[in-house]
Amino acid sequence: MRGADDAADADSVITLVKQTADGLGRLVAEHLKLARLELVYDARDLGRRIGLMALFAPFLLIGYALACVAGAILLSRVVGMAGGFLIVAGANLLIGGIGFYRASSRLKQASVLEHSREELARSAEALKPAEQAATLSKEAHARI
């Protein structure tokens, strides 16, 4: 009689392991789908933003160049033409360098696939008790 109970227990454990593996497979597949959808959405959003910036960049660039020339001409009355252009160029290099450094620092902090990482962390946290229960079940089975 005990042999039949052991066989039934082994079959139920095997069934549970198969169901768990199937569930984990579905969970991983859903995480991959979420990550793909989120990546597509993020890429489209980023593309729209870059396109909008590219639309107005020429106007900004031309206006900025004209303002720099005007500033250099104004300074040329005090320090000469070359000195005026040199001061304007130095100010541009300084401000541009600071801005570039800050922008590149922010770029390093950009989060990609944030929702997918959160969901993956939640799933991992939810699986911890199941993992511990499976370990305890194996240990109990080994004692029998």
N, C-alpha and C. Protein backbone atom coordinates (compact mmCIF):
# COMPACT_ATOMS: atom_id res chain seq x y z
N MET A 1 0.83 -1.18 0.00
CA MET A 1 0.00 0.00 0.00
C MET A 1 0.88 1.25 0.00
N ARG A 2 1.95 1.17 0.76
CA ARG A 2 2.86 2.32 0.84
C ARG A 2 3.50 2.58 -0.52
N GLY A 3 3.80 1.58 -1.28
CA GLY A 3 4.40 1.73 -2.60
C GLY A 3 3.46 2.49 -3.53
N ALA A 4 2.16 2.24 -3.43
CA ALA A 4 1.18 2.95 -4.27
C ALA A 4 1.12 4.42 -3.88
N ASP A 5 1.19 4.70 -2.55
CA ASP A 5 1.18 6.09 -2.09
C ASP A 5 2.43 6.83 -2.55
N ASP A 6 3.58 6.13 -2.48
CA ASP A 6 4.83 6.75 -2.93
C ASP A 6 4.77 7.05 -4.42
N ALA A 7 4.22 6.14 -5.21
CA ALA A 7 4.11 6.35 -6.66
C ALA A 7 3.17 7.51 -6.96
N ALA A 8 2.06 7.60 -6.21
CA ALA A 8 1.11 8.70 -6.40
C ALA A 8 1.75 10.03 -6.02
N ASP A 9 2.52 10.02 -4.92
CA ASP A 9 3.22 11.24 -4.50
C ASP A 9 4.24 11.67 -5.55
N ALA A 10 4.98 10.69 -6.08
CA ALA A 10 5.99 10.99 -7.09
C ALA A 10 5.33 11.56 -8.34
N ASP A 11 4.16 10.94 -8.74
CA ASP A 11 3.44 11.46 -9.91
C ASP A 11 2.93 12.88 -9.66
N SER A 12 2.44 13.14 -8.45
CA SER A 12 1.93 14.49 -8.16
C SER A 12 3.07 15.51 -8.13
N VAL A 13 4.23 15.10 -7.62
CA VAL A 13 5.38 16.00 -7.61
C VAL A 13 5.84 16.28 -9.04
N ILE A 14 5.88 15.26 -9.86
CA ILE A 14 6.27 15.43 -11.26
C ILE A 14 5.27 16.36 -11.96
N THR A 15 3.99 16.16 -11.70
CA THR A 15 2.97 17.02 -12.30
C THR A 15 3.16 18.47 -11.84
N LEU A 16 3.43 18.66 -10.56
CA LEU A 16 3.65 20.02 -10.04
C LEU A 16 4.89 20.65 -10.66
N VAL A 17 5.94 19.86 -10.82
CA VAL A 17 7.15 20.39 -11.44
C VAL A 17 6.88 20.79 -12.88
N LYS A 18 6.13 19.95 -13.62
CA LYS A 18 5.79 20.28 -15.01
C LYS A 18 4.95 21.55 -15.07
N GLN A 19 3.97 21.66 -14.19
CA GLN A 19 3.12 22.86 -14.17
C GLN A 19 3.93 24.11 -13.82
N THR A 20 4.85 23.95 -12.87
CA THR A 20 5.69 25.08 -12.48
C THR A 20 6.59 25.51 -13.64
N ALA A 21 7.18 24.54 -14.31
CA ALA A 21 8.04 24.85 -15.46
C ALA A 21 7.24 25.52 -16.57
N ASP A 22 6.03 25.02 -16.80
CA ASP A 22 5.16 25.62 -17.82
C ASP A 22 4.79 27.05 -17.43
N GLY A 23 4.46 27.25 -16.17
CA GLY A 23 4.11 28.59 -15.70
C GLY A 23 5.28 29.54 -15.79
N LEU A 24 6.47 29.06 -15.45
CA LEU A 24 7.67 29.91 -15.57
C LEU A 24 7.96 30.25 -17.03
N GLY A 25 7.74 29.29 -17.90
CA GLY A 25 7.93 29.55 -19.34
C GLY A 25 6.98 30.63 -19.83
N ARG A 26 5.70 30.54 -19.41
CA ARG A 26 4.73 31.57 -19.80
C ARG A 26 5.11 32.92 -19.20
N LEU A 27 5.57 32.92 -17.96
CA LEU A 27 5.96 34.16 -17.30
C LEU A 27 7.12 34.83 -18.05
N VAL A 28 8.12 34.06 -18.42
CA VAL A 28 9.27 34.61 -19.15
C VAL A 28 8.80 35.14 -20.51
N ALA A 29 7.92 34.40 -21.18
CA ALA A 29 7.42 34.85 -22.48
C ALA A 29 6.65 36.16 -22.34
N GLU A 30 5.85 36.29 -21.30
CA GLU A 30 5.11 37.53 -21.08
C GLU A 30 6.06 38.68 -20.76
N HIS A 31 7.10 38.42 -20.01
CA HIS A 31 8.09 39.47 -19.73
C HIS A 31 8.77 39.91 -21.02
N LEU A 32 9.09 38.98 -21.89
CA LEU A 32 9.72 39.34 -23.15
C LEU A 32 8.78 40.15 -24.03
N LYS A 33 7.49 39.79 -24.05
CA LYS A 33 6.51 40.56 -24.81
C LYS A 33 6.41 41.98 -24.27
N LEU A 34 6.35 42.10 -22.95
CA LEU A 34 6.27 43.42 -22.33
C LEU A 34 7.49 44.25 -22.66
N ALA A 35 8.66 43.65 -22.58
CA ALA A 35 9.89 44.38 -22.87
C ALA A 35 9.91 44.83 -24.33
N ARG A 36 9.48 43.98 -25.23
CA ARG A 36 9.47 44.34 -26.64
C ARG A 36 8.50 45.49 -26.91
N LEU A 37 7.29 45.40 -26.34
CA LEU A 37 6.31 46.47 -26.52
C LEU A 37 6.81 47.79 -25.93
N GLU A 38 7.40 47.71 -24.77
CA GLU A 38 7.91 48.92 -24.13
C GLU A 38 9.06 49.51 -24.92
N LEU A 39 9.92 48.68 -25.46
CA LEU A 39 11.04 49.16 -26.26
C LEU A 39 10.55 49.84 -27.54
N VAL A 40 9.54 49.26 -28.19
CA VAL A 40 8.97 49.86 -29.40
C VAL A 40 8.35 51.22 -29.06
N TYR A 41 7.59 51.27 -27.97
CA TYR A 41 6.96 52.53 -27.56
C TYR A 41 8.02 53.59 -27.25
N ASP A 42 9.05 53.21 -26.50
CA ASP A 42 10.11 54.16 -26.14
C ASP A 42 10.84 54.65 -27.39
N ALA A 43 11.09 53.75 -28.35
CA ALA A 43 11.79 54.14 -29.57
C ALA A 43 10.94 55.11 -30.40
N ARG A 44 9.64 54.84 -30.50
CA ARG A 44 8.76 55.76 -31.24
C ARG A 44 8.71 57.13 -30.58
N ASP A 45 8.59 57.14 -29.27
CA ASP A 45 8.52 58.40 -28.54
C ASP A 45 9.82 59.19 -28.72
N LEU A 46 10.93 58.50 -28.60
CA LEU A 46 12.23 59.14 -28.78
C LEU A 46 12.38 59.67 -30.20
N GLY A 47 11.92 58.92 -31.18
CA GLY A 47 11.98 59.35 -32.58
C GLY A 47 11.17 60.61 -32.82
N ARG A 48 9.98 60.68 -32.22
CA ARG A 48 9.15 61.89 -32.36
C ARG A 48 9.85 63.10 -31.75
N ARG A 49 10.42 62.92 -30.58
CA ARG A 49 11.10 64.03 -29.91
C ARG A 49 12.31 64.52 -30.71
N ILE A 50 13.08 63.59 -31.21
CA ILE A 50 14.25 63.96 -32.01
C ILE A 50 13.82 64.64 -33.29
N GLY A 51 12.77 64.16 -33.93
CA GLY A 51 12.26 64.78 -35.15
C GLY A 51 11.81 66.21 -34.91
N LEU A 52 11.14 66.45 -33.81
CA LEU A 52 10.70 67.80 -33.48
C LEU A 52 11.89 68.72 -33.24
N MET A 53 12.89 68.21 -32.55
CA MET A 53 14.09 69.01 -32.32
C MET A 53 14.80 69.31 -33.64
N ALA A 54 14.86 68.34 -34.52
CA ALA A 54 15.54 68.52 -35.81
C ALA A 54 14.79 69.55 -36.67
N LEU A 55 13.50 69.65 -36.49
CA LEU A 55 12.71 70.61 -37.25
C LEU A 55 13.09 72.05 -36.91
N PHE A 56 13.33 72.32 -35.66
CA PHE A 56 13.62 73.69 -35.22
C PHE A 56 15.12 73.99 -35.08
N ALA A 57 15.95 73.01 -35.19
CA ALA A 57 17.40 73.21 -35.03
C ALA A 57 17.98 74.20 -36.03
N PRO A 58 17.63 74.17 -37.32
CA PRO A 58 18.22 75.14 -38.25
C PRO A 58 17.91 76.60 -37.88
N PHE A 59 16.69 76.87 -37.46
CA PHE A 59 16.33 78.23 -37.06
C PHE A 59 17.16 78.68 -35.86
N LEU A 60 17.29 77.79 -34.92
CA LEU A 60 18.06 78.10 -33.72
C LEU A 60 19.53 78.33 -34.07
N LEU A 61 20.06 77.51 -34.92
CA LEU A 61 21.47 77.61 -35.29
C LEU A 61 21.76 78.92 -36.04
N ILE A 62 20.91 79.27 -36.99
CA ILE A 62 21.12 80.51 -37.75
C ILE A 62 20.98 81.73 -36.83
N GLY A 63 19.97 81.73 -35.98
CA GLY A 63 19.79 82.84 -35.05
C GLY A 63 20.95 82.98 -34.10
N TYR A 64 21.44 81.87 -33.63
CA TYR A 64 22.58 81.89 -32.70
C TYR A 64 23.83 82.42 -33.39
N ALA A 65 24.07 81.97 -34.61
CA ALA A 65 25.26 82.43 -35.35
C ALA A 65 25.19 83.94 -35.58
N LEU A 66 24.02 84.46 -35.95
CA LEU A 66 23.88 85.90 -36.16
C LEU A 66 24.08 86.68 -34.86
N ALA A 67 23.58 86.14 -33.76
CA ALA A 67 23.77 86.80 -32.47
C ALA A 67 25.25 86.82 -32.07
N CYS A 68 25.95 85.76 -32.34
CA CYS A 68 27.39 85.71 -32.03
C CYS A 68 28.17 86.72 -32.86
N VAL A 69 27.84 86.82 -34.14
CA VAL A 69 28.52 87.80 -34.99
C VAL A 69 28.24 89.22 -34.50
N ALA A 70 26.98 89.49 -34.16
CA ALA A 70 26.62 90.82 -33.66
C ALA A 70 27.36 91.12 -32.36
N GLY A 71 27.44 90.15 -31.46
CA GLY A 71 28.17 90.34 -30.20
C GLY A 71 29.65 90.60 -30.44
N ALA A 72 30.23 89.89 -31.37
CA ALA A 72 31.66 90.07 -31.68
C ALA A 72 31.91 91.45 -32.28
N ILE A 73 31.00 91.91 -33.12
CA ILE A 73 31.15 93.25 -33.72
C ILE A 73 31.04 94.33 -32.64
N LEU A 74 30.11 94.14 -31.71
CA LEU A 74 29.98 95.10 -30.61
C LEU A 74 31.25 95.14 -29.75
N LEU A 75 31.80 93.96 -29.46
CA LEU A 75 33.03 93.90 -28.65
C LEU A 75 34.24 94.46 -29.41
N SER A 76 34.17 94.43 -30.75
CA SER A 76 35.32 94.89 -31.54
C SER A 76 35.59 96.37 -31.33
N ARG A 77 34.62 97.12 -30.89
CA ARG A 77 34.82 98.55 -30.61
C ARG A 77 35.77 98.75 -29.43
N VAL A 78 35.77 97.74 -28.51
CA VAL A 78 36.58 97.86 -27.30
C VAL A 78 37.92 97.12 -27.45
N VAL A 79 37.90 95.90 -27.99
CA VAL A 79 39.11 95.05 -28.02
C VAL A 79 39.58 94.73 -29.44
N GLY A 80 38.99 95.32 -30.43
CA GLY A 80 39.36 95.03 -31.81
C GLY A 80 38.56 93.86 -32.36
N MET A 81 38.56 93.72 -33.68
CA MET A 81 37.75 92.68 -34.33
C MET A 81 38.18 91.28 -33.90
N ALA A 82 39.44 90.99 -33.94
CA ALA A 82 39.92 89.65 -33.56
C ALA A 82 39.62 89.36 -32.10
N GLY A 83 39.82 90.33 -31.23
CA GLY A 83 39.55 90.14 -29.81
C GLY A 83 38.08 89.89 -29.54
N GLY A 84 37.21 90.60 -30.26
CA GLY A 84 35.76 90.40 -30.10
C GLY A 84 35.34 88.99 -30.47
N PHE A 85 35.83 88.54 -31.62
CA PHE A 85 35.49 87.17 -32.04
C PHE A 85 36.09 86.12 -31.11
N LEU A 86 37.28 86.40 -30.60
CA LEU A 86 37.92 85.47 -29.67
C LEU A 86 37.14 85.36 -28.36
N ILE A 87 36.67 86.47 -27.85
CA ILE A 87 35.87 86.44 -26.61
C ILE A 87 34.57 85.69 -26.82
N VAL A 88 33.89 85.97 -27.93
CA VAL A 88 32.62 85.28 -28.21
C VAL A 88 32.87 83.78 -28.40
N ALA A 89 33.93 83.42 -29.11
CA ALA A 89 34.24 82.00 -29.31
C ALA A 89 34.57 81.31 -27.99
N GLY A 90 35.35 81.97 -27.13
CA GLY A 90 35.68 81.38 -25.82
C GLY A 90 34.45 81.17 -24.96
N ALA A 91 33.54 82.15 -24.96
CA ALA A 91 32.30 82.00 -24.19
C ALA A 91 31.47 80.83 -24.71
N ASN A 92 31.41 80.72 -26.04
CA ASN A 92 30.66 79.60 -26.64
C ASN A 92 31.27 78.26 -26.29
N LEU A 93 32.58 78.18 -26.34
CA LEU A 93 33.24 76.91 -26.00
C LEU A 93 33.01 76.55 -24.53
N LEU A 94 33.10 77.51 -23.65
CA LEU A 94 32.89 77.25 -22.23
C LEU A 94 31.46 76.80 -21.94
N ILE A 95 30.49 77.56 -22.43
CA ILE A 95 29.09 77.23 -22.19
C ILE A 95 28.73 75.91 -22.87
N GLY A 96 29.23 75.71 -24.09
CA GLY A 96 28.96 74.46 -24.81
C GLY A 96 29.56 73.25 -24.11
N GLY A 97 30.76 73.41 -23.58
CA GLY A 97 31.39 72.30 -22.85
C GLY A 97 30.63 71.93 -21.59
N ILE A 98 30.21 72.94 -20.85
CA ILE A 98 29.43 72.67 -19.62
C ILE A 98 28.11 71.99 -19.98
N GLY A 99 27.44 72.53 -21.00
CA GLY A 99 26.16 71.94 -21.42
C GLY A 99 26.32 70.51 -21.91
N PHE A 100 27.36 70.25 -22.68
CA PHE A 100 27.61 68.90 -23.20
C PHE A 100 27.87 67.93 -22.05
N TYR A 101 28.65 68.36 -21.09
CA TYR A 101 28.95 67.50 -19.94
C TYR A 101 27.68 67.16 -19.17
N ARG A 102 26.84 68.15 -18.92
CA ARG A 102 25.60 67.90 -18.18
C ARG A 102 24.65 67.00 -18.96
N ALA A 103 24.55 67.23 -20.27
CA ALA A 103 23.67 66.40 -21.10
C ALA A 103 24.15 64.96 -21.15
N SER A 104 25.45 64.76 -21.26
CA SER A 104 25.97 63.39 -21.30
C SER A 104 25.80 62.70 -19.96
N SER A 105 25.88 63.45 -18.87
CA SER A 105 25.63 62.87 -17.54
C SER A 105 24.18 62.42 -17.41
N ARG A 106 23.27 63.22 -17.91
CA ARG A 106 21.85 62.84 -17.86
C ARG A 106 21.56 61.64 -18.75
N LEU A 107 22.26 61.55 -19.86
CA LEU A 107 22.05 60.44 -20.77
C LEU A 107 22.43 59.12 -20.10
N LYS A 108 23.46 59.15 -19.28
CA LYS A 108 23.88 57.94 -18.56
C LYS A 108 22.82 57.50 -17.56
N GLN A 109 22.03 58.44 -17.06
CA GLN A 109 21.01 58.14 -16.06
C GLN A 109 19.68 57.74 -16.69
N ALA A 110 19.56 57.81 -18.01
CA ALA A 110 18.30 57.50 -18.68
C ALA A 110 17.92 56.05 -18.41
N SER A 111 16.65 55.84 -18.10
CA SER A 111 16.20 54.49 -17.82
C SER A 111 15.45 53.94 -19.02
N VAL A 112 15.86 52.77 -19.44
CA VAL A 112 15.23 52.08 -20.55
C VAL A 112 14.60 50.81 -20.00
N LEU A 113 13.43 50.49 -20.48
CA LEU A 113 12.67 49.30 -20.07
C LEU A 113 12.39 49.32 -18.56
N GLU A 114 12.05 50.47 -18.04
CA GLU A 114 11.83 50.61 -16.60
C GLU A 114 10.69 49.71 -16.12
N HIS A 115 9.57 49.71 -16.86
CA HIS A 115 8.42 48.89 -16.43
C HIS A 115 8.74 47.40 -16.48
N SER A 116 9.49 47.00 -17.48
CA SER A 116 9.85 45.58 -17.60
C SER A 116 10.72 45.15 -16.43
N ARG A 117 11.67 46.01 -16.04
CA ARG A 117 12.52 45.67 -14.89
C ARG A 117 11.70 45.57 -13.62
N GLU A 118 10.73 46.46 -13.45
CA GLU A 118 9.87 46.43 -12.26
C GLU A 118 9.06 45.14 -12.22
N GLU A 119 8.48 44.77 -13.36
CA GLU A 119 7.70 43.54 -13.43
C GLU A 119 8.56 42.31 -13.18
N LEU A 120 9.75 42.31 -13.71
CA LEU A 120 10.66 41.19 -13.51
C LEU A 120 11.04 41.07 -12.04
N ALA A 121 11.27 42.20 -11.39
CA ALA A 121 11.61 42.18 -9.96
C ALA A 121 10.43 41.67 -9.15
N ARG A 122 9.21 42.08 -9.50
CA ARG A 122 8.01 41.59 -8.80
C ARG A 122 7.86 40.08 -8.98
N SER A 123 8.09 39.62 -10.19
CA SER A 123 7.97 38.18 -10.44
C SER A 123 9.01 37.40 -9.65
N ALA A 124 10.23 37.92 -9.63
CA ALA A 124 11.29 37.24 -8.89
C ALA A 124 10.94 37.20 -7.40
N GLU A 125 10.40 38.29 -6.90
CA GLU A 125 10.01 38.34 -5.48
C GLU A 125 8.87 37.36 -5.19
N ALA A 126 7.94 37.25 -6.12
CA ALA A 126 6.82 36.33 -5.94
C ALA A 126 7.27 34.87 -6.03
N LEU A 127 8.30 34.61 -6.80
CA LEU A 127 8.78 33.24 -6.97
C LEU A 127 9.64 32.76 -5.81
N LYS A 128 10.14 33.65 -4.99
CA LYS A 128 10.99 33.25 -3.87
C LYS A 128 10.28 32.28 -2.92
N PRO A 129 9.04 32.58 -2.48
CA PRO A 129 8.36 31.61 -1.61
C PRO A 129 8.13 30.26 -2.29
N ALA A 130 7.81 30.27 -3.59
CA ALA A 130 7.61 29.02 -4.31
C ALA A 130 8.91 28.24 -4.39
N GLU A 131 10.01 28.94 -4.60
CA GLU A 131 11.32 28.31 -4.67
C GLU A 131 11.68 27.68 -3.33
N GLN A 132 11.40 28.40 -2.25
CA GLN A 132 11.69 27.89 -0.92
C GLN A 132 10.81 26.68 -0.61
N ALA A 133 9.53 26.74 -1.02
CA ALA A 133 8.62 25.63 -0.78
C ALA A 133 9.07 24.39 -1.55
N ALA A 134 9.55 24.57 -2.77
CA ALA A 134 10.02 23.45 -3.57
C ALA A 134 11.24 22.81 -2.92
N THR A 135 12.12 23.63 -2.39
CA THR A 135 13.32 23.12 -1.70
C THR A 135 12.91 22.32 -0.47
N LEU A 136 11.97 22.86 0.31
CA LEU A 136 11.49 22.16 1.50
C LEU A 136 10.81 20.85 1.12
N SER A 137 10.04 20.86 0.03
CA SER A 137 9.35 19.66 -0.41
C SER A 137 10.36 18.59 -0.82
N LYS A 138 11.41 18.99 -1.50
CA LYS A 138 12.45 18.02 -1.90
C LYS A 138 13.14 17.44 -0.68
N GLU A 139 13.41 18.31 0.30
CA GLU A 139 14.07 17.84 1.52
C GLU A 139 13.16 16.86 2.28
N ALA A 140 11.87 17.16 2.33
CA ALA A 140 10.92 16.29 3.01
C ALA A 140 10.81 14.96 2.28
N HIS A 141 10.82 15.01 0.94
CA HIS A 141 10.75 13.78 0.14
C HIS A 141 12.00 12.94 0.36
N ALA A 142 13.13 13.58 0.52
CA ALA A 142 14.37 12.85 0.70
C ALA A 142 14.38 12.12 2.05
N ARG A 143 13.71 12.70 3.04
CA ARG A 143 13.64 12.07 4.37
C ARG A 143 12.75 10.84 4.36
N ILE A 144 11.77 10.82 3.49
CA ILE A 144 10.79 9.71 3.48
C ILE A 144 11.36 8.48 2.90
